[in-house]
Each structure stands twice: as structure tokens, then as C-alpha cells.
Amino acid sequence: MNAFTYATAHSPASARQLVADKGAYLAGGNDLLGLLKEYLVSADILVNIKSLPGLDKIERGEKFWTIGSLVTVAQIEDHAEIKETFPGLHEAASEVASQQIRNVATVGGNLAQHSRCWYFRHRDTQCLKKDGDLCYALNGENRYHSLFTGNTCISPVVSSLATIFASLDATAIVLRDGQETRQNMAELYQRAWENPLAHNSLKNGDLILRVEIPTTRSRSAYLQVSDRHAFDWALVSCAAAADVVDGKLKSPRVALGSISPVPHQVETANRFLDGKVLDNATATQAADMILKDAKPLEHNAYKVPLAHALIRRTLLKLKGDA
């Protein structure tokens, strides 16, 4: 690990000023410290943001809930009203890593974490995401990689919270150049879809302040499959959310994680589901639409039937049939 300066910020503006162009924000530190130790990132200064006022709060509103970026994953998991109002968010939080990590991992950190691709994480491999010439996973070991991508890097987004936030139409409020900007989950990761060097759309110095979740979808669900029951990233994850009026879905959203550089949604499938009464045939047809353009590689074709089953099961959870 290279030497760095350490400072504590007491306001978002001072945090941005301290981090400048060559620093990094430090909250839970689960991802950042590992990257620093492996020389995968460097920072002249680490800016402790754990004391920023108001960013560790969960606030309930009539039209939307606000979750601060310093709220821990464990706080979401343990919040009784979140479990009742956004059960899918509770389920996603409970699947993150281990209890010890959830106690310190933050919402902002979960959304901003870097690629888990082993070629990227190997400090001696100069892969495409590290400004090399080649994505080694394309013709190498790609068991955990994407089924969809907009560039030649096939590293997927692994944030469980991003997947459920996408299905809930949540918005991240990001401090950028002194101004608060709003990005939905697709926008928050769009740059990773287009640019192999990017993990998300955050620029140097950008700071996620909070996430706003509209209350328009009364039902939500989240499922994932992992190699291990606990303390493991998802092979595939699925989140679904909708309001249900007279037994019919209203404004449904389905999102998949760990299969694309962005939380994967297909708008035609969302429109198809709108107004439908859910049954297995309808859920199956939606799954077919969502996965129609998947491009599996040598070692990750198993993700297609796995995702298909998760979509069906997650959708049916919205009506309590799974």
C-alpha cells in the first residue's frame, strides 16, 4: 500500500475539497482498502466521510423514502418499516456478504464498489479495465461474467442494492462539482456499459449523498443464487417491484444483477407485465423477453436458465405464490 494523507470531513463540500482529484472517500472501507493493498487504486489522501451530518439516516416520506449514503446495510436489514414497505430491499440487504461486513458496509459503498473480476483483481494482470489491450475473461475463465455488455469488458455489476433499487425506480443523489445531480440506477452505471475502464458513472470527486425511493410500488421481492449460502456474491440476482390493483400489476419493474455492467432491465418486458394478472405463464413469457438477447460465453451459459427461473420465482413472489 502506498503512503497517503488522512483527513476527516465534516460537510459534503469540505469532503469534496479535500479529496480533490487524487483522493478517495473512506466510509466502511470494505472495497477500498483491499484495492489499495493490492495496488489496484492509489490515493494521495483518504477522506473519512463517516461524520458527514444527516447521511446516516433513513427518513420516511409520503411520496418517497430517503436513505443516506452512510446508512449501513445492516440498518436496512434491521429496519422494521423497510421490511414491511420494501420487502425486496430488506431481502437484498440480508444477502450482502456476512453480518460483520453488513455492520460497516454503507449504501454508497455498495453502489460504488469496483469490479470483482479476478483478472481485474489480480494486480499483475493488465486487463482491459486497467487500461490494457485485452479482456482476458472473454476467452478465459468467465463463469461469473456478463451475458449482456455494451463494450468488450464483460465484468458485471455485483451490487445487490443496485438491483433492487433499479426495480423500485430509485434515484441516487450525487454531489458533482458543487451541485446535487440526480441519477437513476441505469444512469449511475451507464458509463460502465459504454466504457471498459469504468465501474460506474461516477467521476473523480463525485459523492453519493442519498438514495430516494418512490412509494408508488407497494410490493417488491428479491432473490439471488450464489455458490455459497452466505458471504458470497450472487451468480445471478433478480429484483421485481410493482403496485397491485385489483390483482393486476401496475408499473412493474424487473431487474437482474451480476449479468451485465448495469442492472439489467428490458422495457418491453416491463410494458408487457403492466396490467397483467400474474401466473406462471405470464412470468415465463416475461423471462423469455428479458433474456432474449443474452450472449452466453463458454463458461457462463448456466446463467441463462438460472436467471429465467429467478425471474419467474421473483415475479410470483409479488403475489405470494412462490
C-alpha atoms as a PDB file:
ATOM      1  CA  MET A   1       0.000   0.000   0.000  1.00  0.00           C
ATOM      2  CA  ASN A   2       1.343   3.398  -0.934  1.00  0.00           C
ATOM      3  CA  ALA A   3       1.570   6.193   1.617  1.00  0.00           C
ATOM      4  CA  PHE A   4      -1.356   8.595   1.861  1.00  0.00           C
ATOM      5  CA  THR A   5      -2.637  11.511   3.914  1.00  0.00           C
ATOM      6  CA  TYR A   6      -5.712  11.032   6.099  1.00  0.00           C
ATOM      7  CA  ALA A   7      -8.333  13.675   6.871  1.00  0.00           C
ATOM      8  CA  THR A   8     -11.849  13.803   8.309  1.00  0.00           C
ATOM      9  CA  ALA A   9     -14.513  15.876   6.589  1.00  0.00           C
ATOM     10  CA  HIS A  10     -17.484  17.418   8.402  1.00  0.00           C
ATOM     11  CA  SER A  11     -19.521  18.553   5.398  1.00  0.00           C
ATOM     12  CA  PRO A  12     -20.000  17.266   1.841  1.00  0.00           C
ATOM     13  CA  ALA A  13     -18.430  20.467   0.476  1.00  0.00           C
ATOM     14  CA  SER A  14     -15.298  20.073   2.597  1.00  0.00           C
ATOM     15  CA  ALA A  15     -15.103  16.380   1.685  1.00  0.00           C
ATOM     16  CA  ARG A  16     -15.109  17.280  -1.987  1.00  0.00           C
ATOM     17  CA  GLN A  17     -12.487  19.958  -1.440  1.00  0.00           C
ATOM     18  CA  LEU A  18     -10.229  17.587   0.498  1.00  0.00           C
ATOM     19  CA  VAL A  19     -10.491  14.687  -1.917  1.00  0.00           C
ATOM     20  CA  ALA A  20      -9.599  16.961  -4.882  1.00  0.00           C
ATOM     21  CA  ASP A  21      -8.592  14.979  -7.978  1.00  0.00           C
ATOM     22  CA  LYS A  22      -6.324  12.334  -6.460  1.00  0.00           C
ATOM     23  CA  GLY A  23      -8.068  11.299  -3.272  1.00  0.00           C
ATOM     24  CA  ALA A  24     -10.710   8.791  -2.256  1.00  0.00           C
ATOM     25  CA  TYR A  25     -13.645   8.792   0.148  1.00  0.00           C
ATOM     26  CA  LEU A  26     -13.499   6.368   3.065  1.00  0.00           C
ATOM     27  CA  ALA A  27     -16.646   5.107   4.795  1.00  0.00           C
ATOM     28  CA  GLY A  28     -16.901   1.375   5.533  1.00  0.00           C
ATOM     29  CA  GLY A  29     -13.738   0.743   3.519  1.00  0.00           C
ATOM     30  CA  ASN A  30     -14.528  -2.882   2.672  1.00  0.00           C
ATOM     31  CA  ASP A  31     -13.759  -2.480  -1.018  1.00  0.00           C
ATOM     32  CA  LEU A  32     -11.377   0.493  -0.977  1.00  0.00           C
ATOM     33  CA  LEU A  33      -8.852  -0.884   1.496  1.00  0.00           C
ATOM     34  CA  GLY A  34      -8.493  -4.117  -0.446  1.00  0.00           C
ATOM     35  CA  LEU A  35      -7.951  -2.198  -3.671  1.00  0.00           C
ATOM     36  CA  LEU A  36      -5.300  -0.036  -2.010  1.00  0.00           C
ATOM     37  CA  LYS A  37      -3.478  -3.026  -0.528  1.00  0.00           C
ATOM     38  CA  GLU A  38      -3.360  -4.743  -3.914  1.00  0.00           C
ATOM     39  CA  TYR A  39      -2.177  -1.526  -5.635  1.00  0.00           C
ATOM     40  CA  LEU A  40      -5.255  -1.577  -7.865  1.00  0.00           C
ATOM     41  CA  VAL A  41      -6.063   2.016  -6.985  1.00  0.00           C
ATOM     42  CA  SER A  42      -3.956   4.765  -5.482  1.00  0.00           C
ATOM     43  CA  ALA A  43      -4.900   7.836  -3.484  1.00  0.00           C
ATOM     44  CA  ASP A  44      -2.855  10.735  -2.192  1.00  0.00           C
ATOM     45  CA  ILE A  45      -5.429  11.331   0.534  1.00  0.00           C
ATOM     46  CA  LEU A  46      -8.192   9.283   2.153  1.00  0.00           C
ATOM     47  CA  VAL A  47     -11.063  11.455   3.300  1.00  0.00           C
ATOM     48  CA  ASN A  48     -13.073   9.989   6.149  1.00  0.00           C
ATOM     49  CA  ILE A  49     -16.733  10.850   5.474  1.00  0.00           C
ATOM     50  CA  LYS A  50     -18.296   8.898   8.331  1.00  0.00           C
ATOM     51  CA  SER A  51     -19.023  12.119  10.246  1.00  0.00           C
ATOM     52  CA  LEU A  52     -20.937  13.863   7.459  1.00  0.00           C
ATOM     53  CA  PRO A  53     -24.200  15.053   9.062  1.00  0.00           C
ATOM     54  CA  GLY A  54     -27.519  13.528   8.041  1.00  0.00           C
ATOM     55  CA  LEU A  55     -26.151  10.902   5.647  1.00  0.00           C
ATOM     56  CA  ASP A  56     -26.633   8.063   8.141  1.00  0.00           C
ATOM     57  CA  LYS A  57     -30.404   8.470   8.366  1.00  0.00           C
ATOM     58  CA  ILE A  58     -33.410   6.641   6.940  1.00  0.00           C
ATOM     59  CA  GLU A  59     -36.330   9.024   6.511  1.00  0.00           C
ATOM     60  CA  ARG A  60     -39.871   8.059   5.605  1.00  0.00           C
ATOM     61  CA  GLY A  61     -41.944  10.381   3.437  1.00  0.00           C
ATOM     62  CA  GLU A  62     -45.374  10.265   1.838  1.00  0.00           C
ATOM     63  CA  LYS A  63     -44.084  10.188  -1.753  1.00  0.00           C
ATOM     64  CA  PHE A  64     -40.632   8.704  -1.243  1.00  0.00           C
ATOM     65  CA  TRP A  65     -38.219   7.402   1.345  1.00  0.00           C
ATOM     66  CA  THR A  66     -34.692   8.768   1.694  1.00  0.00           C
ATOM     67  CA  ILE A  67     -31.764   6.545   2.625  1.00  0.00           C
ATOM     68  CA  GLY A  68     -28.476   8.306   3.325  1.00  0.00           C
ATOM     69  CA  SER A  69     -25.343   7.020   1.678  1.00  0.00           C
ATOM     70  CA  LEU A  70     -23.747   6.314   5.074  1.00  0.00           C
ATOM     71  CA  VAL A  71     -26.630   4.126   6.221  1.00  0.00           C
ATOM     72  CA  THR A  72     -25.198   0.662   6.743  1.00  0.00           C
ATOM     73  CA  VAL A  73     -26.554  -2.405   5.028  1.00  0.00           C
ATOM     74  CA  ALA A  74     -27.327  -3.816   8.478  1.00  0.00           C
ATOM     75  CA  GLN A  75     -29.507  -0.789   9.266  1.00  0.00           C
ATOM     76  CA  ILE A  76     -31.602  -1.561   6.190  1.00  0.00           C
ATOM     77  CA  GLU A  77     -31.781  -5.232   7.089  1.00  0.00           C
ATOM     78  CA  ASP A  78     -32.897  -4.470  10.648  1.00  0.00           C
ATOM     79  CA  HIS A  79     -35.364  -1.671   9.829  1.00  0.00           C
ATOM     80  CA  ALA A  80     -38.853  -2.996  10.571  1.00  0.00           C
ATOM     81  CA  GLU A  81     -40.670  -0.420   8.416  1.00  0.00           C
ATOM     82  CA  ILE A  82     -38.409  -1.094   5.415  1.00  0.00           C
ATOM     83  CA  LYS A  83     -39.135  -4.800   5.781  1.00  0.00           C
ATOM     84  CA  GLU A  84     -42.849  -4.006   5.663  1.00  0.00           C
ATOM     85  CA  THR A  85     -42.800  -1.301   2.963  1.00  0.00           C
ATOM     86  CA  PHE A  86     -39.954  -2.513   0.722  1.00  0.00           C
ATOM     87  CA  PRO A  87     -39.553  -6.232   1.467  1.00  0.00           C
ATOM     88  CA  GLY A  88     -37.350  -6.692  -1.601  1.00  0.00           C
ATOM     89  CA  LEU A  89     -34.888  -4.145  -0.239  1.00  0.00           C
ATOM     90  CA  HIS A  90     -34.803  -5.956   3.088  1.00  0.00           C
ATOM     91  CA  GLU A  91     -34.174  -9.255   1.279  1.00  0.00           C
ATOM     92  CA  ALA A  92     -31.383  -7.770  -0.852  1.00  0.00           C
ATOM     93  CA  ALA A  93     -29.666  -6.235   2.187  1.00  0.00           C
ATOM     94  CA  SER A  94     -29.780  -9.525   4.069  1.00  0.00           C
ATOM     95  CA  GLU A  95     -27.919 -11.243   1.213  1.00  0.00           C
ATOM     96  CA  VAL A  96     -24.929  -8.870   1.277  1.00  0.00           C
ATOM     97  CA  ALA A  97     -21.729 -10.603   2.438  1.00  0.00           C
ATOM     98  CA  SER A  98     -21.601 -11.500   6.142  1.00  0.00           C
ATOM     99  CA  GLN A  99     -23.189  -9.927   9.203  1.00  0.00           C
ATOM    100  CA  GLN A 100     -19.851  -8.401  10.204  1.00  0.00           C
ATOM    101  CA  ILE A 101     -19.485  -6.721   6.813  1.00  0.00           C
ATOM    102  CA  ARG A 102     -23.114  -5.562   6.742  1.00  0.00           C
ATOM    103  CA  ASN A 103     -22.497  -3.823  10.064  1.00  0.00           C
ATOM    104  CA  VAL A 104     -19.966  -1.459   8.454  1.00  0.00           C
ATOM    105  CA  ALA A 105     -20.732  -1.562   4.708  1.00  0.00           C
ATOM    106  CA  THR A 106     -22.617   1.517   3.523  1.00  0.00           C
ATOM    107  CA  VAL A 107     -25.241   2.111   0.865  1.00  0.00           C
ATOM    108  CA  GLY A 108     -22.902   4.421  -1.033  1.00  0.00           C
ATOM    109  CA  GLY A 109     -20.062   1.942  -0.876  1.00  0.00           C
ATOM    110  CA  ASN A 110     -22.239  -0.925  -2.071  1.00  0.00           C
ATOM    111  CA  LEU A 111     -23.332   1.104  -5.089  1.00  0.00           C
ATOM    112  CA  ALA A 112     -19.823   2.366  -5.911  1.00  0.00           C
ATOM    113  CA  GLN A 113     -17.834  -0.854  -5.468  1.00  0.00           C
ATOM    114  CA  HIS A 114     -15.397  -1.905  -8.170  1.00  0.00           C
ATOM    115  CA  SER A 115     -15.381  -4.977 -10.357  1.00  0.00           C
ATOM    116  CA  ARG A 116     -14.984  -8.398  -8.752  1.00  0.00           C
ATOM    117  CA  CYS A 117     -13.498  -9.910 -11.928  1.00  0.00           C
ATOM    118  CA  TRP A 118     -10.446 -11.950 -10.931  1.00  0.00           C
ATOM    119  CA  TYR A 119      -8.460 -10.652 -13.880  1.00  0.00           C
ATOM    120  CA  PHE A 120      -9.077  -7.091 -12.702  1.00  0.00           C
ATOM    121  CA  ARG A 121      -8.386  -8.016  -9.075  1.00  0.00           C
ATOM    122  CA  HIS A 122      -5.057  -9.705  -9.910  1.00  0.00           C
ATOM    123  CA  ARG A 123      -2.563  -6.913  -9.517  1.00  0.00           C
ATOM    124  CA  ASP A 124      -0.142  -8.442 -12.042  1.00  0.00           C
ATOM    125  CA  THR A 125      -2.724  -8.670 -14.846  1.00  0.00           C
ATOM    126  CA  GLN A 126      -3.081  -5.595 -17.065  1.00  0.00           C
ATOM    127  CA  CYS A 127      -6.601  -6.286 -18.275  1.00  0.00           C
ATOM    128  CA  LEU A 128      -8.824  -4.059 -20.388  1.00  0.00           C
ATOM    129  CA  LYS A 129     -10.430  -2.483 -17.325  1.00  0.00           C
ATOM    130  CA  LYS A 130      -6.937  -1.446 -16.153  1.00  0.00           C
ATOM    131  CA  ASP A 131      -6.194   0.236 -19.494  1.00  0.00           C
ATOM    132  CA  GLY A 132      -4.742  -2.894 -21.055  1.00  0.00           C
ATOM    133  CA  ASP A 133      -5.421  -4.264 -24.512  1.00  0.00           C
ATOM    134  CA  LEU A 134      -7.490  -7.346 -23.733  1.00  0.00           C
ATOM    135  CA  CYS A 135     -10.404  -8.609 -21.651  1.00  0.00           C
ATOM    136  CA  TYR A 136      -8.885 -11.896 -20.538  1.00  0.00           C
ATOM    137  CA  ALA A 137     -12.266 -13.201 -19.406  1.00  0.00           C
ATOM    138  CA  LEU A 138     -13.642 -13.240 -22.956  1.00  0.00           C
ATOM    139  CA  ASN A 139     -11.598 -16.308 -23.877  1.00  0.00           C
ATOM    140  CA  GLY A 140     -10.572 -17.255 -20.354  1.00  0.00           C
ATOM    141  CA  GLU A 141     -12.437 -18.178 -17.203  1.00  0.00           C
ATOM    142  CA  ASN A 142     -15.758 -16.333 -17.496  1.00  0.00           C
ATOM    143  CA  ARG A 143     -18.030 -18.318 -15.188  1.00  0.00           C
ATOM    144  CA  TYR A 144     -19.034 -15.232 -13.203  1.00  0.00           C
ATOM    145  CA  HIS A 145     -19.231 -12.758 -16.067  1.00  0.00           C
ATOM    146  CA  SER A 146     -21.854 -10.914 -18.107  1.00  0.00           C
ATOM    147  CA  LEU A 147     -24.495 -12.153 -20.517  1.00  0.00           C
ATOM    148  CA  PHE A 148     -25.015  -8.603 -21.809  1.00  0.00           C
ATOM    149  CA  THR A 149     -22.494  -5.814 -22.369  1.00  0.00           C
ATOM    150  CA  GLY A 150     -22.075  -2.733 -24.492  1.00  0.00           C
ATOM    151  CA  ASN A 151     -18.281  -2.963 -24.767  1.00  0.00           C
ATOM    152  CA  THR A 152     -15.517  -5.560 -24.808  1.00  0.00           C
ATOM    153  CA  CYS A 153     -15.250  -5.793 -20.994  1.00  0.00           C
ATOM    154  CA  ILE A 154     -17.620  -8.427 -19.593  1.00  0.00           C
ATOM    155  CA  SER A 155     -17.301  -7.624 -15.888  1.00  0.00           C
ATOM    156  CA  PRO A 156     -20.822  -7.347 -14.358  1.00  0.00           C
ATOM    157  CA  VAL A 157     -22.173  -5.051 -11.671  1.00  0.00           C
ATOM    158  CA  VAL A 158     -22.377  -7.016  -8.412  1.00  0.00           C
ATOM    159  CA  SER A 159     -24.225  -4.551  -6.159  1.00  0.00           C
ATOM    160  CA  SER A 160     -27.267  -6.232  -4.631  1.00  0.00           C
ATOM    161  CA  LEU A 161     -28.703  -2.855  -3.660  1.00  0.00           C
ATOM    162  CA  ALA A 162     -28.368  -1.508  -7.214  1.00  0.00           C
ATOM    163  CA  THR A 163     -30.530  -4.370  -8.479  1.00  0.00           C
ATOM    164  CA  ILE A 164     -33.391  -3.803  -6.061  1.00  0.00           C
ATOM    165  CA  PHE A 165     -33.092  -0.009  -6.339  1.00  0.00           C
ATOM    166  CA  ALA A 166     -33.438  -0.344 -10.119  1.00  0.00           C
ATOM    167  CA  SER A 167     -36.700  -2.276  -9.773  1.00  0.00           C
ATOM    168  CA  LEU A 168     -38.010   0.342  -7.313  1.00  0.00           C
ATOM    169  CA  ASP A 169     -37.108   3.234  -9.662  1.00  0.00           C
ATOM    170  CA  ALA A 170     -34.846   4.688  -7.000  1.00  0.00           C
ATOM    171  CA  THR A 171     -32.712   7.751  -7.664  1.00  0.00           C
ATOM    172  CA  ALA A 172     -29.191   8.403  -6.397  1.00  0.00           C
ATOM    173  CA  ILE A 173     -28.451  11.998  -5.413  1.00  0.00           C
ATOM    174  CA  VAL A 174     -24.799  12.690  -6.274  1.00  0.00           C
ATOM    175  CA  LEU A 175     -22.723  15.728  -5.339  1.00  0.00           C
ATOM    176  CA  ARG A 176     -20.884  16.697  -8.530  1.00  0.00           C
ATOM    177  CA  ASP A 177     -18.939  19.941  -8.963  1.00  0.00           C
ATOM    178  CA  GLY A 178     -20.733  21.510  -6.029  1.00  0.00           C
ATOM    179  CA  GLN A 179     -24.207  20.671  -7.347  1.00  0.00           C
ATOM    180  CA  GLU A 180     -26.621  17.880  -6.474  1.00  0.00           C
ATOM    181  CA  THR A 181     -27.393  15.766  -9.531  1.00  0.00           C
ATOM    182  CA  ARG A 182     -29.972  13.005  -9.853  1.00  0.00           C
ATOM    183  CA  GLN A 183     -29.219   9.646 -11.465  1.00  0.00           C
ATOM    184  CA  ASN A 184     -31.434   6.609 -11.698  1.00  0.00           C
ATOM    185  CA  MET A 185     -29.695   3.237 -11.477  1.00  0.00           C
ATOM    186  CA  ALA A 186     -29.340   2.920 -15.245  1.00  0.00           C
ATOM    187  CA  GLU A 187     -27.647   6.315 -15.371  1.00  0.00           C
ATOM    188  CA  LEU A 188     -25.478   5.550 -12.349  1.00  0.00           C
ATOM    189  CA  TYR A 189     -23.902   2.633 -14.243  1.00  0.00           C
ATOM    190  CA  GLN A 190     -24.312   3.668 -17.879  1.00  0.00           C
ATOM    191  CA  ARG A 191     -20.669   4.621 -18.303  1.00  0.00           C
ATOM    192  CA  ALA A 192     -19.621   1.070 -17.355  1.00  0.00           C
ATOM    193  CA  TRP A 193     -21.827  -0.211 -20.184  1.00  0.00           C
ATOM    194  CA  GLU A 194     -20.045   2.037 -22.675  1.00  0.00           C
ATOM    195  CA  ASN A 195     -16.503   2.275 -21.309  1.00  0.00           C
ATOM    196  CA  PRO A 196     -14.436  -0.768 -20.255  1.00  0.00           C
ATOM    197  CA  LEU A 197     -12.379   1.368 -17.857  1.00  0.00           C
ATOM    198  CA  ALA A 198     -15.433   2.401 -15.816  1.00  0.00           C
ATOM    199  CA  HIS A 199     -17.134   0.634 -12.918  1.00  0.00           C
ATOM    200  CA  ASN A 200     -19.989   3.142 -12.825  1.00  0.00           C
ATOM    201  CA  SER A 201     -20.760   6.686 -13.991  1.00  0.00           C
ATOM    202  CA  LEU A 202     -19.179   8.425 -11.005  1.00  0.00           C
ATOM    203  CA  LYS A 203     -16.413  10.894 -11.824  1.00  0.00           C
ATOM    204  CA  ASN A 204     -13.401  11.680  -9.639  1.00  0.00           C
ATOM    205  CA  GLY A 205     -14.690  13.510  -6.580  1.00  0.00           C
ATOM    206  CA  ASP A 206     -18.347  12.591  -7.064  1.00  0.00           C
ATOM    207  CA  LEU A 207     -20.018  11.736  -3.762  1.00  0.00           C
ATOM    208  CA  ILE A 208     -23.255   9.775  -3.420  1.00  0.00           C
ATOM    209  CA  LEU A 209     -25.295  11.638  -0.793  1.00  0.00           C
ATOM    210  CA  ARG A 210     -28.514   9.631  -0.577  1.00  0.00           C
ATOM    211  CA  VAL A 211     -30.972   7.433  -2.421  1.00  0.00           C
ATOM    212  CA  GLU A 212     -34.645   8.336  -2.876  1.00  0.00           C
ATOM    213  CA  ILE A 213     -37.174   5.518  -3.282  1.00  0.00           C
ATOM    214  CA  PRO A 214     -40.682   6.374  -4.504  1.00  0.00           C
ATOM    215  CA  THR A 215     -43.569   4.749  -2.645  1.00  0.00           C
ATOM    216  CA  THR A 216     -45.518   4.029  -5.847  1.00  0.00           C
ATOM    217  CA  ARG A 217     -44.750   0.289  -5.802  1.00  0.00           C
ATOM    218  CA  SER A 218     -46.328  -1.416  -2.815  1.00  0.00           C
ATOM    219  CA  ARG A 219     -44.816  -4.838  -3.440  1.00  0.00           C
ATOM    220  CA  SER A 220     -41.251  -5.887  -4.094  1.00  0.00           C
ATOM    221  CA  ALA A 221     -39.137  -9.021  -3.977  1.00  0.00           C
ATOM    222  CA  TYR A 222     -35.508 -10.035  -4.370  1.00  0.00           C
ATOM    223  CA  LEU A 223     -33.842 -13.405  -4.922  1.00  0.00           C
ATOM    224  CA  GLN A 224     -30.309 -14.439  -5.695  1.00  0.00           C
ATOM    225  CA  VAL A 225     -28.359 -17.630  -6.226  1.00  0.00           C
ATOM    226  CA  SER A 226     -24.756 -17.929  -5.050  1.00  0.00           C
ATOM    227  CA  ASP A 227     -22.168 -20.677  -4.891  1.00  0.00           C
ATOM    228  CA  ARG A 228     -22.325 -20.499  -1.106  1.00  0.00           C
ATOM    229  CA  HIS A 229     -25.291 -19.841   1.127  1.00  0.00           C
ATOM    230  CA  ALA A 230     -23.617 -16.926   2.911  1.00  0.00           C
ATOM    231  CA  PHE A 231     -20.798 -14.427   2.397  1.00  0.00           C
ATOM    232  CA  ASP A 232     -20.723 -14.691  -1.389  1.00  0.00           C
ATOM    233  CA  TRP A 233     -21.583 -12.584  -4.395  1.00  0.00           C
ATOM    234  CA  ALA A 234     -24.574 -13.567  -6.480  1.00  0.00           C
ATOM    235  CA  LEU A 235     -24.158 -15.686  -9.583  1.00  0.00           C
ATOM    236  CA  VAL A 236     -27.421 -14.091 -10.681  1.00  0.00           C
ATOM    237  CA  SER A 237     -29.801 -11.844  -8.757  1.00  0.00           C
ATOM    238  CA  CYS A 238     -33.304 -10.685  -9.589  1.00  0.00           C
ATOM    239  CA  ALA A 239     -35.497  -7.937  -8.172  1.00  0.00           C
ATOM    240  CA  ALA A 240     -39.099  -7.124  -9.044  1.00  0.00           C
ATOM    241  CA  ALA A 241     -41.430  -4.383  -7.854  1.00  0.00           C
ATOM    242  CA  ALA A 242     -44.938  -3.247  -8.714  1.00  0.00           C
ATOM    243  CA  ASP A 243     -48.151  -1.906  -7.317  1.00  0.00           C
ATOM    244  CA  VAL A 244     -51.008  -4.385  -7.453  1.00  0.00           C
ATOM    245  CA  VAL A 245     -54.501  -3.051  -8.160  1.00  0.00           C
ATOM    246  CA  ASP A 246     -57.467  -5.449  -8.385  1.00  0.00           C
ATOM    247  CA  GLY A 247     -54.997  -8.318  -8.751  1.00  0.00           C
ATOM    248  CA  LYS A 248     -53.229  -6.678 -11.710  1.00  0.00           C
ATOM    249  CA  LEU A 249     -49.675  -5.353 -11.853  1.00  0.00           C
ATOM    250  CA  LYS A 250     -49.253  -1.605 -12.147  1.00  0.00           C
ATOM    251  CA  SER A 251     -45.919  -0.009 -13.171  1.00  0.00           C
ATOM    252  CA  PRO A 252     -43.936  -3.256 -12.796  1.00  0.00           C
ATOM    253  CA  ARG A 253     -40.150  -3.321 -12.988  1.00  0.00           C
ATOM    254  CA  VAL A 254     -37.832  -6.337 -13.175  1.00  0.00           C
ATOM    255  CA  ALA A 255     -34.064  -6.005 -12.833  1.00  0.00           C
ATOM    256  CA  LEU A 256     -31.263  -8.558 -12.972  1.00  0.00           C
ATOM    257  CA  GLY A 257     -27.857  -8.292 -11.335  1.00  0.00           C
ATOM    258  CA  SER A 258     -24.491  -9.961 -11.972  1.00  0.00           C
ATOM    259  CA  ILE A 259     -25.202 -10.458 -15.687  1.00  0.00           C
ATOM    260  CA  SER A 260     -24.398  -7.023 -17.126  1.00  0.00           C
ATOM    261  CA  PRO A 261     -22.316  -3.925 -16.295  1.00  0.00           C
ATOM    262  CA  VAL A 262     -25.641  -2.246 -15.411  1.00  0.00           C
ATOM    263  CA  PRO A 263     -28.695  -3.547 -13.521  1.00  0.00           C
ATOM    264  CA  HIS A 264     -30.330  -5.262 -16.489  1.00  0.00           C
ATOM    265  CA  GLN A 265     -33.856  -4.215 -17.439  1.00  0.00           C
ATOM    266  CA  VAL A 266     -35.860  -4.732 -20.623  1.00  0.00           C
ATOM    267  CA  GLU A 267     -38.547  -2.108 -21.054  1.00  0.00           C
ATOM    268  CA  THR A 268     -40.644  -4.249 -23.402  1.00  0.00           C
ATOM    269  CA  ALA A 269     -40.951  -6.856 -20.647  1.00  0.00           C
ATOM    270  CA  ASN A 270     -41.980  -4.207 -18.114  1.00  0.00           C
ATOM    271  CA  ARG A 271     -44.642  -2.926 -20.528  1.00  0.00           C
ATOM    272  CA  PHE A 272     -45.818  -6.476 -21.212  1.00  0.00           C
ATOM    273  CA  LEU A 273     -46.333  -7.101 -17.492  1.00  0.00           C
ATOM    274  CA  ASP A 274     -48.205  -3.843 -16.892  1.00  0.00           C
ATOM    275  CA  GLY A 275     -51.889  -4.599 -16.301  1.00  0.00           C
ATOM    276  CA  LYS A 276     -51.383  -8.361 -16.250  1.00  0.00           C
ATOM    277  CA  VAL A 277     -52.659 -10.782 -13.624  1.00  0.00           C
ATOM    278  CA  LEU A 278     -49.606 -12.798 -12.652  1.00  0.00           C
ATOM    279  CA  ASP A 279     -49.442 -16.506 -13.297  1.00  0.00           C
ATOM    280  CA  ASN A 280     -46.639 -18.844 -14.253  1.00  0.00           C
ATOM    281  CA  ALA A 281     -47.267 -18.473 -17.982  1.00  0.00           C
ATOM    282  CA  THR A 282     -47.090 -14.672 -17.806  1.00  0.00           C
ATOM    283  CA  ALA A 283     -43.938 -14.762 -15.675  1.00  0.00           C
ATOM    284  CA  THR A 284     -42.365 -17.238 -18.105  1.00  0.00           C
ATOM    285  CA  GLN A 285     -43.149 -15.029 -21.089  1.00  0.00           C
ATOM    286  CA  ALA A 286     -41.608 -12.020 -19.325  1.00  0.00           C
ATOM    287  CA  ALA A 287     -38.481 -14.049 -18.558  1.00  0.00           C
ATOM    288  CA  ASP A 288     -38.227 -15.038 -22.227  1.00  0.00           C
ATOM    289  CA  MET A 289     -38.347 -11.349 -23.225  1.00  0.00           C
ATOM    290  CA  ILE A 290     -35.750 -10.283 -20.667  1.00  0.00           C
ATOM    291  CA  LEU A 291     -33.233 -12.943 -21.713  1.00  0.00           C
ATOM    292  CA  LYS A 292     -33.934 -12.992 -25.445  1.00  0.00           C
ATOM    293  CA  ASP A 293     -30.699 -11.236 -26.430  1.00  0.00           C
ATOM    294  CA  ALA A 294     -28.378 -12.901 -23.910  1.00  0.00           C
ATOM    295  CA  LYS A 295     -24.951 -13.820 -25.282  1.00  0.00           C
ATOM    296  CA  PRO A 296     -23.513 -16.547 -23.056  1.00  0.00           C
ATOM    297  CA  LEU A 297     -19.844 -17.427 -23.203  1.00  0.00           C
ATOM    298  CA  GLU A 298     -18.023 -20.716 -22.783  1.00  0.00           C
ATOM    299  CA  HIS A 299     -18.390 -20.997 -19.011  1.00  0.00           C
ATOM    300  CA  ASN A 300     -21.423 -18.876 -18.088  1.00  0.00           C
ATOM    301  CA  ALA A 301     -24.257 -20.302 -20.197  1.00  0.00           C
ATOM    302  CA  TYR A 302     -25.699 -21.763 -16.980  1.00  0.00           C
ATOM    303  CA  LYS A 303     -26.711 -18.205 -16.035  1.00  0.00           C
ATOM    304  CA  VAL A 304     -29.455 -18.137 -18.684  1.00  0.00           C
ATOM    305  CA  PRO A 305     -31.706 -20.877 -17.207  1.00  0.00           C
ATOM    306  CA  LEU A 306     -30.762 -19.717 -13.720  1.00  0.00           C
ATOM    307  CA  ALA A 307     -31.878 -16.164 -14.495  1.00  0.00           C
ATOM    308  CA  HIS A 308     -35.025 -17.488 -16.184  1.00  0.00           C
ATOM    309  CA  ALA A 309     -36.015 -19.387 -13.051  1.00  0.00           C
ATOM    310  CA  LEU A 310     -35.216 -16.443 -10.780  1.00  0.00           C
ATOM    311  CA  ILE A 311     -37.336 -14.058 -12.864  1.00  0.00           C
ATOM    312  CA  ARG A 312     -40.333 -16.389 -12.649  1.00  0.00           C
ATOM    313  CA  ARG A 313     -39.918 -17.009  -8.927  1.00  0.00           C
ATOM    314  CA  THR A 314     -39.317 -13.345  -8.070  1.00  0.00           C
ATOM    315  CA  LEU A 315     -42.328 -12.163 -10.044  1.00  0.00           C
ATOM    316  CA  LEU A 316     -44.571 -14.757  -8.442  1.00  0.00           C
ATOM    317  CA  LYS A 317     -43.397 -13.601  -5.006  1.00  0.00           C
ATOM    318  CA  LEU A 318     -45.175 -10.326  -5.731  1.00  0.00           C
ATOM    319  CA  LYS A 319     -48.469 -12.215  -5.411  1.00  0.00           C
ATOM    320  CA  GLY A 320     -47.274 -14.688  -2.799  1.00  0.00           C
ATOM    321  CA  ASP A 321     -47.208 -17.775  -4.996  1.00  0.00           C
ATOM    322  CA  ALA A 322     -43.525 -18.689  -4.607  1.00  0.00           C
END
